[in-house]
All heavy atoms as atom14 arrays in JSON, in Angstrom:
{
  "sequence": "GDRKFMLVDANGYALTQKRLPQLATYTLESLAALTPLHLTNRKIPV",
  "atom14_mask": [
    [1, 1, 1, 1, 0, 0, 0, 0, 0, 0, 0, 0, 0, 0],
    [1, 1, 1, 1, 1, 1, 1, 1, 0, 0, 0, 0, 0, 0],
    [1, 1, 1, 1, 1, 1, 1, 1, 1, 1, 1, 0, 0, 0],
    [1, 1, 1, 1, 1, 1, 1, 1, 1, 0, 0, 0, 0, 0],
    [1, 1, 1, 1, 1, 1, 1, 1, 1, 1, 1, 0, 0, 0],
    [1, 1, 1, 1, 1, 1, 1, 1, 0, 0, 0, 0, 0, 0],
    [1, 1, 1, 1, 1, 1, 1, 1, 0, 0, 0, 0, 0, 0],
    [1, 1, 1, 1, 1, 1, 1, 0, 0, 0, 0, 0, 0, 0],
    [1, 1, 1, 1, 1, 1, 1, 1, 0, 0, 0, 0, 0, 0],
    [1, 1, 1, 1, 1, 0, 0, 0, 0, 0, 0, 0, 0, 0],
    [1, 1, 1, 1, 1, 1, 1, 1, 0, 0, 0, 0, 0, 0],
    [1, 1, 1, 1, 0, 0, 0, 0, 0, 0, 0, 0, 0, 0],
    [1, 1, 1, 1, 1, 1, 1, 1, 1, 1, 1, 1, 0, 0],
    [1, 1, 1, 1, 1, 0, 0, 0, 0, 0, 0, 0, 0, 0],
    [1, 1, 1, 1, 1, 1, 1, 1, 0, 0, 0, 0, 0, 0],
    [1, 1, 1, 1, 1, 1, 1, 0, 0, 0, 0, 0, 0, 0],
    [1, 1, 1, 1, 1, 1, 1, 1, 1, 0, 0, 0, 0, 0],
    [1, 1, 1, 1, 1, 1, 1, 1, 1, 0, 0, 0, 0, 0],
    [1, 1, 1, 1, 1, 1, 1, 1, 1, 1, 1, 0, 0, 0],
    [1, 1, 1, 1, 1, 1, 1, 1, 0, 0, 0, 0, 0, 0],
    [1, 1, 1, 1, 1, 1, 1, 0, 0, 0, 0, 0, 0, 0],
    [1, 1, 1, 1, 1, 1, 1, 1, 1, 0, 0, 0, 0, 0],
    [1, 1, 1, 1, 1, 1, 1, 1, 0, 0, 0, 0, 0, 0],
    [1, 1, 1, 1, 1, 0, 0, 0, 0, 0, 0, 0, 0, 0],
    [1, 1, 1, 1, 1, 1, 1, 0, 0, 0, 0, 0, 0, 0],
    [1, 1, 1, 1, 1, 1, 1, 1, 1, 1, 1, 1, 0, 0],
    [1, 1, 1, 1, 1, 1, 1, 0, 0, 0, 0, 0, 0, 0],
    [1, 1, 1, 1, 1, 1, 1, 1, 0, 0, 0, 0, 0, 0],
    [1, 1, 1, 1, 1, 1, 1, 1, 1, 0, 0, 0, 0, 0],
    [1, 1, 1, 1, 1, 1, 0, 0, 0, 0, 0, 0, 0, 0],
    [1, 1, 1, 1, 1, 1, 1, 1, 0, 0, 0, 0, 0, 0],
    [1, 1, 1, 1, 1, 0, 0, 0, 0, 0, 0, 0, 0, 0],
    [1, 1, 1, 1, 1, 0, 0, 0, 0, 0, 0, 0, 0, 0],
    [1, 1, 1, 1, 1, 1, 1, 1, 0, 0, 0, 0, 0, 0],
    [1, 1, 1, 1, 1, 1, 1, 0, 0, 0, 0, 0, 0, 0],
    [1, 1, 1, 1, 1, 1, 1, 0, 0, 0, 0, 0, 0, 0],
    [1, 1, 1, 1, 1, 1, 1, 1, 0, 0, 0, 0, 0, 0],
    [1, 1, 1, 1, 1, 1, 1, 1, 1, 1, 0, 0, 0, 0],
    [1, 1, 1, 1, 1, 1, 1, 1, 0, 0, 0, 0, 0, 0],
    [1, 1, 1, 1, 1, 1, 1, 0, 0, 0, 0, 0, 0, 0],
    [1, 1, 1, 1, 1, 1, 1, 1, 0, 0, 0, 0, 0, 0],
    [1, 1, 1, 1, 1, 1, 1, 1, 1, 1, 1, 0, 0, 0],
    [1, 1, 1, 1, 1, 1, 1, 1, 1, 0, 0, 0, 0, 0],
    [1, 1, 1, 1, 1, 1, 1, 1, 0, 0, 0, 0, 0, 0],
    [1, 1, 1, 1, 1, 1, 1, 0, 0, 0, 0, 0, 0, 0],
    [1, 1, 1, 1, 1, 1, 1, 0, 0, 0, 0, 0, 0, 0]
  ],
  "atom14_positions": [
    [[-22.77, 21.44, -14.96], [-21.69, 21.71, -14.11], [-21.38, 20.65, -13.06], [-20.4, 20.77, -12.38], [0.0, 0.0, 0.0], [0.0, 0.0, 0.0], [0.0, 0.0, 0.0], [0.0, 0.0, 0.0], [0.0, 0.0, 0.0], [0.0, 0.0, 0.0], [0.0, 0.0, 0.0], [0.0, 0.0, 0.0], [0.0, 0.0, 0.0], [0.0, 0.0, 0.0]],
    [[-22.19, 19.62, -13.04], [-22.0, 18.61, -12.04], [-20.81, 17.69, -12.39], [-20.72, 17.2, -13.5], [-23.31, 17.77, -11.91], [-23.31, 16.86, -10.71], [-23.07, 17.36, -9.59], [-23.67, 15.73, -10.88], [0.0, 0.0, 0.0], [0.0, 0.0, 0.0], [0.0, 0.0, 0.0], [0.0, 0.0, 0.0], [0.0, 0.0, 0.0], [0.0, 0.0, 0.0]],
    [[-19.94, 17.53, -11.39], [-18.71, 16.65, -11.52], [-17.88, 16.94, -12.74], [-17.45, 16.02, -13.37], [-19.13, 15.17, -11.49], [-19.78, 14.85, -10.16], [-20.34, 13.48, -10.1], [-21.64, 13.5, -10.75], [-22.45, 12.47, -10.91], [-22.14, 11.35, -10.38], [-23.69, 12.63, -11.41], [0.0, 0.0, 0.0], [0.0, 0.0, 0.0], [0.0, 0.0, 0.0]],
    [[-17.59, 18.17, -12.93], [-16.72, 18.6, -14.02], [-15.2, 18.63, -13.64], [-14.35, 18.56, -14.41], [-17.11, 20.02, -14.66], [-18.42, 20.0, -15.4], [-18.23, 19.17, -16.64], [-19.39, 19.46, -17.61], [-19.16, 18.76, -18.89], [0.0, 0.0, 0.0], [0.0, 0.0, 0.0], [0.0, 0.0, 0.0], [0.0, 0.0, 0.0], [0.0, 0.0, 0.0]],
    [[-15.01, 18.75, -12.26], [-13.61, 18.9, -11.74], [-13.42, 17.63, -10.81], [-14.32, 17.15, -10.14], [-13.48, 20.09, -10.89], [-13.71, 21.38, -11.66], [-14.98, 21.88, -11.86], [-12.64, 22.1, -12.22], [-15.12, 23.1, -12.61], [-12.82, 23.23, -12.97], [-14.05, 23.73, -13.13], [0.0, 0.0, 0.0], [0.0, 0.0, 0.0], [0.0, 0.0, 0.0]],
    [[-12.15, 17.11, -10.8], [-11.84, 16.0, -10.15], [-10.43, 15.96, -9.67], [-9.48, 16.57, -10.36], [-12.16, 14.79, -10.99], [-11.82, 13.45, -10.37], [-12.22, 12.01, -11.39], [-11.06, 12.04, -12.72], [0.0, 0.0, 0.0], [0.0, 0.0, 0.0], [0.0, 0.0, 0.0], [0.0, 0.0, 0.0], [0.0, 0.0, 0.0], [0.0, 0.0, 0.0]],
    [[-10.11, 15.41, -8.5], [-8.75, 15.16, -8.13], [-8.41, 13.69, -8.49], [-9.15, 12.75, -8.32], [-8.57, 15.35, -6.6], [-8.74, 16.8, -6.11], [-8.61, 16.83, -4.55], [-7.83, 17.76, -6.72], [0.0, 0.0, 0.0], [0.0, 0.0, 0.0], [0.0, 0.0, 0.0], [0.0, 0.0, 0.0], [0.0, 0.0, 0.0], [0.0, 0.0, 0.0]],
    [[-7.12, 13.63, -9.01], [-6.56, 12.27, -9.25], [-5.3, 12.12, -8.52], [-4.65, 13.08, -8.19], [-6.39, 12.1, -10.81], [-7.73, 12.19, -11.53], [-5.36, 13.04, -11.32], [0.0, 0.0, 0.0], [0.0, 0.0, 0.0], [0.0, 0.0, 0.0], [0.0, 0.0, 0.0], [0.0, 0.0, 0.0], [0.0, 0.0, 0.0], [0.0, 0.0, 0.0]],
    [[-4.89, 10.79, -8.39], [-3.57, 10.57, -7.73], [-2.41, 10.64, -8.72], [-2.71, 11.04, -9.89], [-3.63, 9.2, -7.01], [-3.73, 8.03, -7.93], [-3.48, 8.11, -9.21], [-4.03, 6.92, -7.46], [0.0, 0.0, 0.0], [0.0, 0.0, 0.0], [0.0, 0.0, 0.0], [0.0, 0.0, 0.0], [0.0, 0.0, 0.0], [0.0, 0.0, 0.0]],
    [[-1.26, 10.42, -8.24], [-0.08, 10.57, -9.18], [-0.17, 9.71, -10.38], [0.5, 9.97, -11.32], [1.19, 10.26, -8.36], [0.0, 0.0, 0.0], [0.0, 0.0, 0.0], [0.0, 0.0, 0.0], [0.0, 0.0, 0.0], [0.0, 0.0, 0.0], [0.0, 0.0, 0.0], [0.0, 0.0, 0.0], [0.0, 0.0, 0.0], [0.0, 0.0, 0.0]],
    [[-0.9, 8.62, -10.32], [-1.08, 7.7, -11.53], [-2.29, 8.01, -12.34], [-2.57, 7.36, -13.31], [-1.1, 6.28, -11.04], [0.19, 5.86, -10.35], [1.23, 6.11, -10.87], [0.01, 5.21, -9.19], [0.0, 0.0, 0.0], [0.0, 0.0, 0.0], [0.0, 0.0, 0.0], [0.0, 0.0, 0.0], [0.0, 0.0, 0.0], [0.0, 0.0, 0.0]],
    [[-3.03, 9.15, -12.0], [-4.18, 9.46, -12.79], [-5.43, 8.79, -12.38], [-6.47, 8.94, -13.16], [0.0, 0.0, 0.0], [0.0, 0.0, 0.0], [0.0, 0.0, 0.0], [0.0, 0.0, 0.0], [0.0, 0.0, 0.0], [0.0, 0.0, 0.0], [0.0, 0.0, 0.0], [0.0, 0.0, 0.0], [0.0, 0.0, 0.0], [0.0, 0.0, 0.0]],
    [[-5.5, 8.09, -11.24], [-6.71, 7.39, -10.86], [-7.58, 8.38, -10.02], [-7.09, 9.12, -9.15], [-6.43, 6.21, -9.99], [-5.87, 5.08, -10.86], [-4.54, 4.93, -11.09], [-6.74, 4.15, -11.45], [-4.06, 3.81, -11.79], [-6.3, 3.08, -12.21], [-4.9, 2.98, -12.45], [-4.47, 1.94, -13.15], [0.0, 0.0, 0.0], [0.0, 0.0, 0.0]],
    [[-8.92, 8.4, -10.35], [-9.78, 9.22, -9.61], [-9.72, 9.05, -8.06], [-9.66, 7.92, -7.57], [-11.21, 8.95, -10.07], [0.0, 0.0, 0.0], [0.0, 0.0, 0.0], [0.0, 0.0, 0.0], [0.0, 0.0, 0.0], [0.0, 0.0, 0.0], [0.0, 0.0, 0.0], [0.0, 0.0, 0.0], [0.0, 0.0, 0.0], [0.0, 0.0, 0.0]],
    [[-9.73, 10.19, -7.38], [-9.8, 10.16, -5.93], [-11.21, 10.39, -5.5], [-11.81, 11.35, -5.88], [-8.81, 11.18, -5.32], [-7.35, 10.82, -5.57], [-6.46, 12.04, -5.21], [-6.97, 9.57, -4.75], [0.0, 0.0, 0.0], [0.0, 0.0, 0.0], [0.0, 0.0, 0.0], [0.0, 0.0, 0.0], [0.0, 0.0, 0.0], [0.0, 0.0, 0.0]],
    [[-11.69, 9.55, -4.67], [-12.99, 9.69, -4.05], [-12.89, 9.77, -2.53], [-11.79, 9.68, -2.03], [-13.95, 8.45, -4.46], [-13.37, 7.32, -3.79], [-14.05, 8.27, -5.92], [0.0, 0.0, 0.0], [0.0, 0.0, 0.0], [0.0, 0.0, 0.0], [0.0, 0.0, 0.0], [0.0, 0.0, 0.0], [0.0, 0.0, 0.0], [0.0, 0.0, 0.0]],
    [[-13.92, 10.01, -1.83], [-14.04, 10.04, -0.44], [-13.48, 8.81, 0.24], [-12.96, 8.84, 1.37], [-15.31, 10.48, 0.14], [-15.74, 11.91, -0.24], [-17.16, 12.26, 0.37], [-17.65, 11.61, 1.29], [-17.68, 13.28, -0.25], [0.0, 0.0, 0.0], [0.0, 0.0, 0.0], [0.0, 0.0, 0.0], [0.0, 0.0, 0.0], [0.0, 0.0, 0.0]],
    [[-13.52, 7.72, -0.42], [-13.09, 6.39, 0.09], [-11.58, 6.48, 0.27], [-11.01, 5.99, 1.31], [-13.51, 5.21, -0.77], [-14.96, 4.91, -0.71], [-15.2, 3.7, -1.7], [-16.65, 3.38, -1.67], [-16.98, 2.28, -2.55], [0.0, 0.0, 0.0], [0.0, 0.0, 0.0], [0.0, 0.0, 0.0], [0.0, 0.0, 0.0], [0.0, 0.0, 0.0]],
    [[-10.92, 7.0, -0.61], [-9.45, 7.14, -0.58], [-8.96, 8.5, -0.03], [-7.87, 8.51, 0.53], [-8.88, 6.97, -2.0], [-8.96, 5.5, -2.48], [-8.23, 5.3, -3.76], [-6.84, 5.68, -3.82], [-6.22, 6.08, -4.93], [-6.79, 6.0, -6.01], [-4.93, 6.48, -4.81], [0.0, 0.0, 0.0], [0.0, 0.0, 0.0], [0.0, 0.0, 0.0]],
    [[-9.74, 9.47, -0.08], [-9.34, 10.82, 0.38], [-10.55, 11.39, 1.18], [-11.27, 12.33, 0.62], [-8.94, 11.65, -0.76], [-8.17, 12.98, -0.55], [-6.79, 12.59, 0.02], [-7.88, 13.66, -1.84], [0.0, 0.0, 0.0], [0.0, 0.0, 0.0], [0.0, 0.0, 0.0], [0.0, 0.0, 0.0], [0.0, 0.0, 0.0], [0.0, 0.0, 0.0]],
    [[-10.85, 10.93, 2.36], [-12.02, 11.38, 3.1], [-12.2, 12.84, 3.27], [-13.34, 13.33, 3.3], [-11.85, 10.63, 4.44], [-10.9, 9.6, 4.25], [-10.04, 9.94, 3.13], [0.0, 0.0, 0.0], [0.0, 0.0, 0.0], [0.0, 0.0, 0.0], [0.0, 0.0, 0.0], [0.0, 0.0, 0.0], [0.0, 0.0, 0.0], [0.0, 0.0, 0.0]],
    [[-11.07, 13.57, 3.41], [-11.23, 14.99, 3.65], [-11.8, 15.75, 2.4], [-12.18, 16.92, 2.49], [-9.82, 15.59, 4.0], [-8.68, 15.5, 3.06], [-7.82, 14.33, 3.21], [-8.34, 13.25, 3.39], [-6.6, 14.46, 3.13], [0.0, 0.0, 0.0], [0.0, 0.0, 0.0], [0.0, 0.0, 0.0], [0.0, 0.0, 0.0], [0.0, 0.0, 0.0]],
    [[-11.93, 15.12, 1.3], [-12.61, 15.71, 0.09], [-14.05, 16.17, 0.49], [-14.47, 17.14, -0.03], [-12.74, 14.73, -1.09], [-11.68, 14.78, -2.16], [-11.82, 13.6, -3.11], [-11.79, 16.13, -2.84], [0.0, 0.0, 0.0], [0.0, 0.0, 0.0], [0.0, 0.0, 0.0], [0.0, 0.0, 0.0], [0.0, 0.0, 0.0], [0.0, 0.0, 0.0]],
    [[-14.66, 15.42, 1.43], [-16.05, 15.71, 1.84], [-16.18, 17.14, 2.33], [-17.27, 17.64, 2.46], [-16.51, 14.7, 2.75], [0.0, 0.0, 0.0], [0.0, 0.0, 0.0], [0.0, 0.0, 0.0], [0.0, 0.0, 0.0], [0.0, 0.0, 0.0], [0.0, 0.0, 0.0], [0.0, 0.0, 0.0], [0.0, 0.0, 0.0], [0.0, 0.0, 0.0]],
    [[-15.1, 17.7, 2.83], [-15.16, 19.06, 3.5], [-14.9, 20.17, 2.62], [-14.99, 21.3, 2.93], [-14.21, 19.09, 4.73], [-12.84, 19.02, 4.18], [-14.5, 17.96, 5.63], [0.0, 0.0, 0.0], [0.0, 0.0, 0.0], [0.0, 0.0, 0.0], [0.0, 0.0, 0.0], [0.0, 0.0, 0.0], [0.0, 0.0, 0.0], [0.0, 0.0, 0.0]],
    [[-14.52, 19.87, 1.34], [-14.14, 20.94, 0.41], [-15.08, 21.07, -0.83], [-15.61, 20.08, -1.3], [-12.7, 20.74, -0.22], [-11.58, 20.87, 0.81], [-11.12, 19.83, 1.47], [-11.12, 22.09, 1.08], [-10.13, 19.87, 2.43], [-10.02, 22.25, 1.92], [-9.57, 21.18, 2.64], [-8.6, 21.36, 3.55], [0.0, 0.0, 0.0], [0.0, 0.0, 0.0]],
    [[-15.31, 22.3, -1.24], [-15.97, 22.6, -2.47], [-14.98, 23.2, -3.44], [-13.78, 23.48, -2.95], [-17.07, 23.72, -2.27], [-16.51, 24.92, -1.85], [-18.14, 23.23, -1.36], [0.0, 0.0, 0.0], [0.0, 0.0, 0.0], [0.0, 0.0, 0.0], [0.0, 0.0, 0.0], [0.0, 0.0, 0.0], [0.0, 0.0, 0.0], [0.0, 0.0, 0.0]],
    [[-15.26, 23.37, -4.6], [-14.36, 24.02, -5.62], [-14.01, 25.37, -5.12], [-12.88, 25.86, -5.18], [-14.94, 23.96, -6.98], [-14.06, 24.32, -8.17], [-12.98, 23.41, -8.28], [-14.92, 24.37, -9.46], [0.0, 0.0, 0.0], [0.0, 0.0, 0.0], [0.0, 0.0, 0.0], [0.0, 0.0, 0.0], [0.0, 0.0, 0.0], [0.0, 0.0, 0.0]],
    [[-15.05, 26.06, -4.61], [-14.84, 27.51, -4.16], [-13.89, 27.55, -2.99], [-13.11, 28.5, -2.83], [-16.15, 28.12, -3.89], [-17.05, 28.34, -5.11], [-17.79, 27.1, -5.65], [-17.77, 26.06, -4.97], [-18.18, 27.16, -6.79], [0.0, 0.0, 0.0], [0.0, 0.0, 0.0], [0.0, 0.0, 0.0], [0.0, 0.0, 0.0], [0.0, 0.0, 0.0]],
    [[-14.08, 26.67, -2.08], [-13.24, 26.64, -0.86], [-11.8, 26.43, -1.21], [-10.84, 26.93, -0.64], [-13.79, 25.75, 0.27], [-13.68, 24.34, -0.13], [0.0, 0.0, 0.0], [0.0, 0.0, 0.0], [0.0, 0.0, 0.0], [0.0, 0.0, 0.0], [0.0, 0.0, 0.0], [0.0, 0.0, 0.0], [0.0, 0.0, 0.0], [0.0, 0.0, 0.0]],
    [[-11.55, 25.49, -2.18], [-10.16, 25.28, -2.62], [-9.6, 26.5, -3.35], [-8.52, 26.85, -3.1], [-10.08, 24.02, -3.56], [-10.35, 22.72, -2.81], [-10.31, 21.56, -3.92], [-9.27, 22.45, -1.78], [0.0, 0.0, 0.0], [0.0, 0.0, 0.0], [0.0, 0.0, 0.0], [0.0, 0.0, 0.0], [0.0, 0.0, 0.0], [0.0, 0.0, 0.0]],
    [[-10.43, 27.18, -4.15], [-10.03, 28.35, -4.85], [-9.69, 29.49, -3.82], [-8.85, 30.34, -4.06], [-11.1, 28.8, -5.81], [0.0, 0.0, 0.0], [0.0, 0.0, 0.0], [0.0, 0.0, 0.0], [0.0, 0.0, 0.0], [0.0, 0.0, 0.0], [0.0, 0.0, 0.0], [0.0, 0.0, 0.0], [0.0, 0.0, 0.0], [0.0, 0.0, 0.0]],
    [[-10.3, 29.42, -2.66], [-9.93, 30.48, -1.65], [-8.56, 30.2, -1.03], [-7.93, 31.11, -0.44], [-11.01, 30.51, -0.6], [0.0, 0.0, 0.0], [0.0, 0.0, 0.0], [0.0, 0.0, 0.0], [0.0, 0.0, 0.0], [0.0, 0.0, 0.0], [0.0, 0.0, 0.0], [0.0, 0.0, 0.0], [0.0, 0.0, 0.0], [0.0, 0.0, 0.0]],
    [[-8.14, 28.92, -1.11], [-6.84, 28.54, -0.49], [-5.67, 28.72, -1.51], [-4.52, 28.93, -1.08], [-6.89, 27.2, 0.02], [-7.94, 26.88, 1.11], [-8.04, 25.4, 1.37], [-7.55, 27.64, 2.41], [0.0, 0.0, 0.0], [0.0, 0.0, 0.0], [0.0, 0.0, 0.0], [0.0, 0.0, 0.0], [0.0, 0.0, 0.0], [0.0, 0.0, 0.0]],
    [[-5.97, 28.52, -2.77], [-4.87, 28.57, -3.77], [-5.53, 28.91, -5.14], [-6.64, 28.52, -5.43], [-4.1, 27.25, -3.88], [-3.03, 27.42, -4.75], [-4.96, 26.08, -4.31], [0.0, 0.0, 0.0], [0.0, 0.0, 0.0], [0.0, 0.0, 0.0], [0.0, 0.0, 0.0], [0.0, 0.0, 0.0], [0.0, 0.0, 0.0], [0.0, 0.0, 0.0]],
    [[-4.81, 29.68, -5.94], [-5.38, 29.95, -7.33], [-5.49, 28.7, -8.06], [-4.58, 27.81, -8.12], [-4.36, 30.96, -7.92], [-3.61, 31.52, -6.79], [-3.62, 30.46, -5.68], [0.0, 0.0, 0.0], [0.0, 0.0, 0.0], [0.0, 0.0, 0.0], [0.0, 0.0, 0.0], [0.0, 0.0, 0.0], [0.0, 0.0, 0.0], [0.0, 0.0, 0.0]],
    [[-6.64, 28.52, -8.77], [-6.82, 27.33, -9.59], [-6.64, 27.68, -11.07], [-7.48, 28.27, -11.68], [-8.19, 26.76, -9.36], [-8.61, 26.34, -7.92], [-10.02, 25.82, -7.78], [-7.57, 25.38, -7.38], [0.0, 0.0, 0.0], [0.0, 0.0, 0.0], [0.0, 0.0, 0.0], [0.0, 0.0, 0.0], [0.0, 0.0, 0.0], [0.0, 0.0, 0.0]],
    [[-5.46, 27.33, -11.58], [-5.17, 27.75, -12.91], [-5.12, 26.47, -13.82], [-4.33, 25.6, -13.68], [-3.71, 28.37, -13.02], [-3.71, 29.64, -12.24], [-4.38, 30.77, -12.62], [-3.02, 30.04, -11.13], [-4.12, 31.8, -11.9], [-3.33, 31.35, -10.88], [0.0, 0.0, 0.0], [0.0, 0.0, 0.0], [0.0, 0.0, 0.0], [0.0, 0.0, 0.0]],
    [[-6.0, 26.51, -14.85], [-6.13, 25.36, -15.79], [-5.17, 25.44, -16.95], [-4.98, 26.7, -17.39], [-7.57, 25.4, -16.26], [-8.11, 24.29, -17.15], [-7.99, 22.9, -16.46], [-9.54, 24.5, -17.63], [0.0, 0.0, 0.0], [0.0, 0.0, 0.0], [0.0, 0.0, 0.0], [0.0, 0.0, 0.0], [0.0, 0.0, 0.0], [0.0, 0.0, 0.0]],
    [[-4.64, 24.4, -17.42], [-3.83, 24.39, -18.62], [-4.65, 23.96, -19.83], [-5.9, 23.52, -19.6], [-2.58, 23.45, -18.52], [-3.03, 22.14, -18.49], [-1.83, 23.79, -17.22], [0.0, 0.0, 0.0], [0.0, 0.0, 0.0], [0.0, 0.0, 0.0], [0.0, 0.0, 0.0], [0.0, 0.0, 0.0], [0.0, 0.0, 0.0], [0.0, 0.0, 0.0]],
    [[-4.08, 23.89, -20.99], [-4.81, 23.33, -22.14], [-4.22, 21.95, -22.38], [-4.48, 21.38, -23.48], [-4.77, 24.28, -23.37], [-3.33, 24.52, -23.71], [-2.4, 24.02, -23.23], [-3.2, 25.28, -24.85], [0.0, 0.0, 0.0], [0.0, 0.0, 0.0], [0.0, 0.0, 0.0], [0.0, 0.0, 0.0], [0.0, 0.0, 0.0], [0.0, 0.0, 0.0]],
    [[-3.49, 21.42, -21.54], [-2.87, 20.12, -21.7], [-3.77, 18.96, -21.15], [-4.22, 19.0, -20.02], [-1.59, 20.06, -20.91], [-0.81, 18.83, -21.17], [0.59, 18.82, -20.58], [1.05, 17.5, -20.37], [1.5, 17.01, -19.11], [1.54, 17.8, -18.14], [1.88, 15.73, -19.08], [0.0, 0.0, 0.0], [0.0, 0.0, 0.0], [0.0, 0.0, 0.0]],
    [[-4.11, 18.0, -22.05], [-4.96, 16.94, -21.68], [-4.13, 15.73, -21.15], [-2.98, 15.49, -21.68], [-5.83, 16.42, -22.84], [-6.87, 17.36, -23.15], [-7.78, 16.78, -24.19], [-8.91, 17.76, -24.54], [-9.76, 17.27, -25.73], [0.0, 0.0, 0.0], [0.0, 0.0, 0.0], [0.0, 0.0, 0.0], [0.0, 0.0, 0.0], [0.0, 0.0, 0.0]],
    [[-4.55, 15.07, -20.1], [-3.79, 13.94, -19.6], [-4.84, 12.86, -19.44], [-6.05, 13.08, -19.27], [-3.12, 14.14, -18.23], [-4.25, 14.65, -17.16], [-2.05, 15.24, -18.38], [-3.57, 14.66, -15.76], [0.0, 0.0, 0.0], [0.0, 0.0, 0.0], [0.0, 0.0, 0.0], [0.0, 0.0, 0.0], [0.0, 0.0, 0.0], [0.0, 0.0, 0.0]],
    [[-4.4, 11.56, -19.63], [-5.41, 10.4, -19.41], [-5.67, 10.27, -17.9], [-4.72, 10.3, -17.05], [-4.57, 9.26, -19.91], [-3.13, 9.64, -19.87], [-3.1, 11.12, -19.98], [0.0, 0.0, 0.0], [0.0, 0.0, 0.0], [0.0, 0.0, 0.0], [0.0, 0.0, 0.0], [0.0, 0.0, 0.0], [0.0, 0.0, 0.0], [0.0, 0.0, 0.0]],
    [[-6.93, 10.07, -17.59], [-7.35, 9.72, -16.17], [-8.17, 8.51, -16.18], [-8.79, 8.19, -17.17], [-7.96, 10.97, -15.47], [-7.05, 12.16, -15.38], [-9.26, 11.36, -16.22], [0.0, 0.0, 0.0], [0.0, 0.0, 0.0], [0.0, 0.0, 0.0], [0.0, 0.0, 0.0], [0.0, 0.0, 0.0], [0.0, 0.0, 0.0], [0.0, 0.0, 0.0]]
  ]
}
């Protein structure tokens, strides 16, 4: 389960704490508490 979920920018590039420092304050669960996390079956290149 380690690093299975990731945020990417509009161009599909991985976002890390270097580019998005506030990531350090969120877990998957804390984001799910703020908004429903609905997965599609559509694959995109990242």
